[in-house]
Amino acid sequence: MSPLWIPLLGLSIPVIALLGNLLFKPWLEHRERRLTIEANALAEKAAQYAAQTERLEQRVRVLERIITDRGVDLSDEIGRLRDTPLN
């Protein structure tokens, strides 16, 4: 083995480390940005599902009230419920 190899190997390690940092760091930043965007989209979708679930629960409560409330005329109750907004 030539004595020239030892300094070349010694200098190549920091060069490889710097090149790895230059290539790996942007990839990590890109991946982090992509994951942040995906997380925001999933959070928005979860909020939409939660709102839809709340609307459906309100409708079920109204239907349960109509079914269980026998003393009120059904057509009058439906008419009043149509006039009131859900939100």
N, C-alpha and C. Protein backbone atom coordinates (compact mmCIF):
# COMPACT_ATOMS: atom_id res chain seq x y z
N MET A 1 0.85 -1.17 0.00
CA MET A 1 0.00 0.00 0.00
C MET A 1 0.90 1.24 0.00
N SER A 2 0.57 2.15 -0.83
CA SER A 2 1.36 3.35 -1.00
C SER A 2 1.14 4.30 0.18
N PRO A 3 2.16 5.01 0.63
CA PRO A 3 1.98 5.98 1.71
C PRO A 3 1.07 7.14 1.31
N LEU A 4 0.80 7.29 0.03
CA LEU A 4 -0.08 8.36 -0.44
C LEU A 4 -1.54 8.08 -0.10
N TRP A 5 -1.89 6.82 0.07
CA TRP A 5 -3.27 6.44 0.36
C TRP A 5 -3.74 6.93 1.72
N ILE A 6 -2.90 6.96 2.69
CA ILE A 6 -3.30 7.34 4.05
C ILE A 6 -3.80 8.79 4.10
N PRO A 7 -3.07 9.78 3.57
CA PRO A 7 -3.62 11.15 3.59
C PRO A 7 -4.86 11.28 2.71
N LEU A 8 -4.89 10.55 1.57
CA LEU A 8 -6.07 10.62 0.70
C LEU A 8 -7.31 10.08 1.42
N LEU A 9 -7.17 8.96 2.11
CA LEU A 9 -8.29 8.42 2.87
C LEU A 9 -8.67 9.35 4.02
N GLY A 10 -7.69 9.92 4.67
CA GLY A 10 -7.96 10.85 5.77
C GLY A 10 -8.69 12.10 5.31
N LEU A 11 -8.39 12.58 4.12
CA LEU A 11 -9.08 13.76 3.58
C LEU A 11 -10.42 13.41 2.95
N SER A 12 -10.56 12.19 2.49
CA SER A 12 -11.82 11.82 1.84
C SER A 12 -12.96 11.67 2.84
N ILE A 13 -12.65 11.33 4.09
CA ILE A 13 -13.72 11.15 5.08
C ILE A 13 -14.48 12.46 5.32
N PRO A 14 -13.82 13.60 5.59
CA PRO A 14 -14.58 14.84 5.75
C PRO A 14 -15.29 15.27 4.47
N VAL A 15 -14.67 15.01 3.32
CA VAL A 15 -15.30 15.37 2.05
C VAL A 15 -16.58 14.58 1.87
N ILE A 16 -16.53 13.30 2.15
CA ILE A 16 -17.73 12.46 2.04
C ILE A 16 -18.79 12.92 3.04
N ALA A 17 -18.36 13.28 4.25
CA ALA A 17 -19.31 13.76 5.26
C ALA A 17 -19.98 15.06 4.80
N LEU A 18 -19.22 15.98 4.23
CA LEU A 18 -19.79 17.23 3.75
C LEU A 18 -20.74 17.00 2.58
N LEU A 19 -20.35 16.14 1.66
CA LEU A 19 -21.23 15.84 0.53
C LEU A 19 -22.50 15.15 1.00
N GLY A 20 -22.35 14.25 1.95
CA GLY A 20 -23.54 13.58 2.50
C GLY A 20 -24.47 14.57 3.16
N ASN A 21 -23.91 15.52 3.89
CA ASN A 21 -24.72 16.54 4.53
C ASN A 21 -25.41 17.42 3.49
N LEU A 22 -24.70 17.77 2.43
CA LEU A 22 -25.28 18.61 1.39
C LEU A 22 -26.40 17.90 0.64
N LEU A 23 -26.30 16.60 0.52
CA LEU A 23 -27.33 15.84 -0.20
C LEU A 23 -28.44 15.36 0.72
N PHE A 24 -28.11 14.98 1.93
CA PHE A 24 -29.08 14.37 2.83
C PHE A 24 -29.97 15.41 3.51
N LYS A 25 -29.41 16.56 3.85
CA LYS A 25 -30.17 17.59 4.55
C LYS A 25 -31.34 18.13 3.71
N PRO A 26 -31.16 18.47 2.43
CA PRO A 26 -32.32 18.91 1.64
C PRO A 26 -33.38 17.83 1.49
N TRP A 27 -32.94 16.58 1.40
CA TRP A 27 -33.91 15.48 1.30
C TRP A 27 -34.74 15.40 2.57
N LEU A 28 -34.08 15.54 3.73
CA LEU A 28 -34.82 15.51 4.99
C LEU A 28 -35.78 16.70 5.11
N GLU A 29 -35.33 17.88 4.68
CA GLU A 29 -36.21 19.06 4.73
C GLU A 29 -37.41 18.89 3.81
N HIS A 30 -37.18 18.33 2.63
CA HIS A 30 -38.28 18.07 1.70
C HIS A 30 -39.26 17.08 2.30
N ARG A 31 -38.74 16.03 2.89
CA ARG A 31 -39.60 15.01 3.51
C ARG A 31 -40.40 15.61 4.66
N GLU A 32 -39.77 16.48 5.45
CA GLU A 32 -40.47 17.12 6.56
C GLU A 32 -41.59 18.02 6.05
N ARG A 33 -41.32 18.80 5.00
CA ARG A 33 -42.36 19.65 4.41
C ARG A 33 -43.52 18.82 3.88
N ARG A 34 -43.19 17.72 3.20
CA ARG A 34 -44.24 16.86 2.65
C ARG A 34 -45.09 16.25 3.77
N LEU A 35 -44.44 15.81 4.82
CA LEU A 35 -45.19 15.23 5.94
C LEU A 35 -46.04 16.28 6.65
N THR A 36 -45.56 17.50 6.74
CA THR A 36 -46.35 18.57 7.33
C THR A 36 -47.59 18.86 6.50
N ILE A 37 -47.42 18.90 5.19
CA ILE A 37 -48.56 19.14 4.31
C ILE A 37 -49.58 18.01 4.43
N GLU A 38 -49.10 16.77 4.45
CA GLU A 38 -50.00 15.63 4.61
C GLU A 38 -50.71 15.66 5.95
N ALA A 39 -50.00 16.04 7.01
CA ALA A 39 -50.62 16.12 8.34
C ALA A 39 -51.70 17.18 8.37
N ASN A 40 -51.44 18.32 7.72
CA ASN A 40 -52.46 19.38 7.67
C ASN A 40 -53.69 18.92 6.90
N ALA A 41 -53.47 18.21 5.80
CA ALA A 41 -54.60 17.71 5.01
C ALA A 41 -55.41 16.70 5.82
N LEU A 42 -54.73 15.83 6.53
CA LEU A 42 -55.43 14.85 7.35
C LEU A 42 -56.19 15.52 8.49
N ALA A 43 -55.61 16.54 9.08
CA ALA A 43 -56.30 17.26 10.15
C ALA A 43 -57.56 17.95 9.62
N GLU A 44 -57.46 18.52 8.43
CA GLU A 44 -58.63 19.16 7.83
C GLU A 44 -59.72 18.13 7.53
N LYS A 45 -59.31 16.99 7.01
CA LYS A 45 -60.27 15.94 6.71
C LYS A 45 -60.93 15.42 7.99
N ALA A 46 -60.15 15.29 9.07
CA ALA A 46 -60.70 14.85 10.35
C ALA A 46 -61.70 15.87 10.89
N ALA A 47 -61.42 17.15 10.70
CA ALA A 47 -62.35 18.19 11.14
C ALA A 47 -63.65 18.12 10.34
N GLN A 48 -63.54 17.85 9.04
CA GLN A 48 -64.74 17.73 8.22
C GLN A 48 -65.57 16.53 8.66
N TYR A 49 -64.91 15.41 8.95
CA TYR A 49 -65.63 14.23 9.43
C TYR A 49 -66.29 14.50 10.77
N ALA A 50 -65.62 15.23 11.64
CA ALA A 50 -66.19 15.55 12.95
C ALA A 50 -67.43 16.43 12.79
N ALA A 51 -67.37 17.40 11.89
CA ALA A 51 -68.52 18.27 11.65
C ALA A 51 -69.68 17.47 11.06
N GLN A 52 -69.38 16.59 10.14
CA GLN A 52 -70.43 15.76 9.54
C GLN A 52 -71.05 14.84 10.59
N THR A 53 -70.22 14.28 11.45
CA THR A 53 -70.73 13.42 12.51
C THR A 53 -71.63 14.20 13.45
N GLU A 54 -71.25 15.43 13.78
CA GLU A 54 -72.08 16.25 14.64
C GLU A 54 -73.42 16.55 14.00
N ARG A 55 -73.43 16.86 12.71
CA ARG A 55 -74.70 17.11 12.01
C ARG A 55 -75.58 15.87 12.02
N LEU A 56 -74.98 14.71 11.79
CA LEU A 56 -75.76 13.48 11.80
C LEU A 56 -76.30 13.17 13.19
N GLU A 57 -75.51 13.43 14.21
CA GLU A 57 -75.99 13.21 15.58
C GLU A 57 -77.16 14.14 15.90
N GLN A 58 -77.10 15.37 15.43
CA GLN A 58 -78.21 16.30 15.64
C GLN A 58 -79.47 15.78 14.95
N ARG A 59 -79.32 15.28 13.75
CA ARG A 59 -80.48 14.76 13.03
C ARG A 59 -81.07 13.54 13.73
N VAL A 60 -80.20 12.67 14.25
CA VAL A 60 -80.68 11.50 14.98
C VAL A 60 -81.42 11.93 16.25
N ARG A 61 -80.90 12.95 16.95
CA ARG A 61 -81.58 13.44 18.13
C ARG A 61 -82.97 13.96 17.79
N VAL A 62 -83.08 14.67 16.66
CA VAL A 62 -84.38 15.19 16.23
C VAL A 62 -85.32 14.02 15.93
N LEU A 63 -84.82 13.03 15.22
CA LEU A 63 -85.67 11.88 14.89
C LEU A 63 -86.09 11.12 16.15
N GLU A 64 -85.18 10.96 17.09
CA GLU A 64 -85.54 10.30 18.35
C GLU A 64 -86.60 11.09 19.10
N ARG A 65 -86.48 12.41 19.07
CA ARG A 65 -87.48 13.24 19.74
C ARG A 65 -88.83 13.10 19.06
N ILE A 66 -88.85 13.05 17.74
CA ILE A 66 -90.12 12.89 17.01
C ILE A 66 -90.76 11.55 17.36
N ILE A 67 -89.96 10.51 17.39
CA ILE A 67 -90.49 9.18 17.64
C ILE A 67 -90.99 9.03 19.08
N THR A 68 -90.25 9.55 20.03
CA THR A 68 -90.61 9.35 21.44
C THR A 68 -91.64 10.33 21.95
N ASP A 69 -91.85 11.44 21.27
CA ASP A 69 -92.80 12.45 21.74
C ASP A 69 -94.17 12.15 21.13
N ARG A 70 -95.00 11.39 21.85
CA ARG A 70 -96.30 10.96 21.32
C ARG A 70 -97.40 12.00 21.50
N GLY A 71 -97.20 12.96 22.36
CA GLY A 71 -98.26 13.92 22.64
C GLY A 71 -98.38 15.03 21.60
N VAL A 72 -97.44 15.13 20.70
CA VAL A 72 -97.42 16.23 19.72
C VAL A 72 -97.84 15.66 18.36
N ASP A 73 -98.58 16.44 17.65
CA ASP A 73 -99.00 16.04 16.31
C ASP A 73 -97.76 15.95 15.41
N LEU A 74 -97.58 14.84 14.76
CA LEU A 74 -96.37 14.56 13.99
C LEU A 74 -96.15 15.55 12.85
N SER A 75 -97.18 15.89 12.13
CA SER A 75 -96.99 16.80 11.00
C SER A 75 -96.60 18.20 11.47
N ASP A 76 -97.15 18.66 12.60
CA ASP A 76 -96.75 19.97 13.13
C ASP A 76 -95.29 19.95 13.56
N GLU A 77 -94.87 18.87 14.19
CA GLU A 77 -93.48 18.75 14.64
C GLU A 77 -92.52 18.75 13.46
N ILE A 78 -92.85 18.02 12.41
CA ILE A 78 -91.99 17.98 11.22
C ILE A 78 -91.93 19.36 10.58
N GLY A 79 -93.05 20.04 10.51
CA GLY A 79 -93.07 21.39 9.95
C GLY A 79 -92.20 22.35 10.74
N ARG A 80 -92.24 22.28 12.07
CA ARG A 80 -91.40 23.15 12.89
C ARG A 80 -89.93 22.80 12.72
N LEU A 81 -89.62 21.53 12.61
CA LEU A 81 -88.22 21.12 12.45
C LEU A 81 -87.65 21.55 11.11
N ARG A 82 -88.49 21.58 10.10
CA ARG A 82 -88.01 22.03 8.79
C ARG A 82 -87.68 23.52 8.81
N ASP A 83 -88.41 24.27 9.62
CA ASP A 83 -88.19 25.71 9.69
C ASP A 83 -86.95 26.08 10.49
N THR A 84 -86.51 25.21 11.41
CA THR A 84 -85.34 25.54 12.22
C THR A 84 -84.07 25.06 11.52
N PRO A 85 -83.03 25.92 11.50
CA PRO A 85 -81.76 25.50 10.86
C PRO A 85 -81.06 24.46 11.72
N LEU A 86 -80.27 23.60 11.06
CA LEU A 86 -79.54 22.56 11.78
C LEU A 86 -78.34 23.13 12.50
N ASN A 87 -77.71 24.16 11.96
CA ASN A 87 -76.50 24.71 12.58
C ASN A 87 -76.79 25.96 13.28
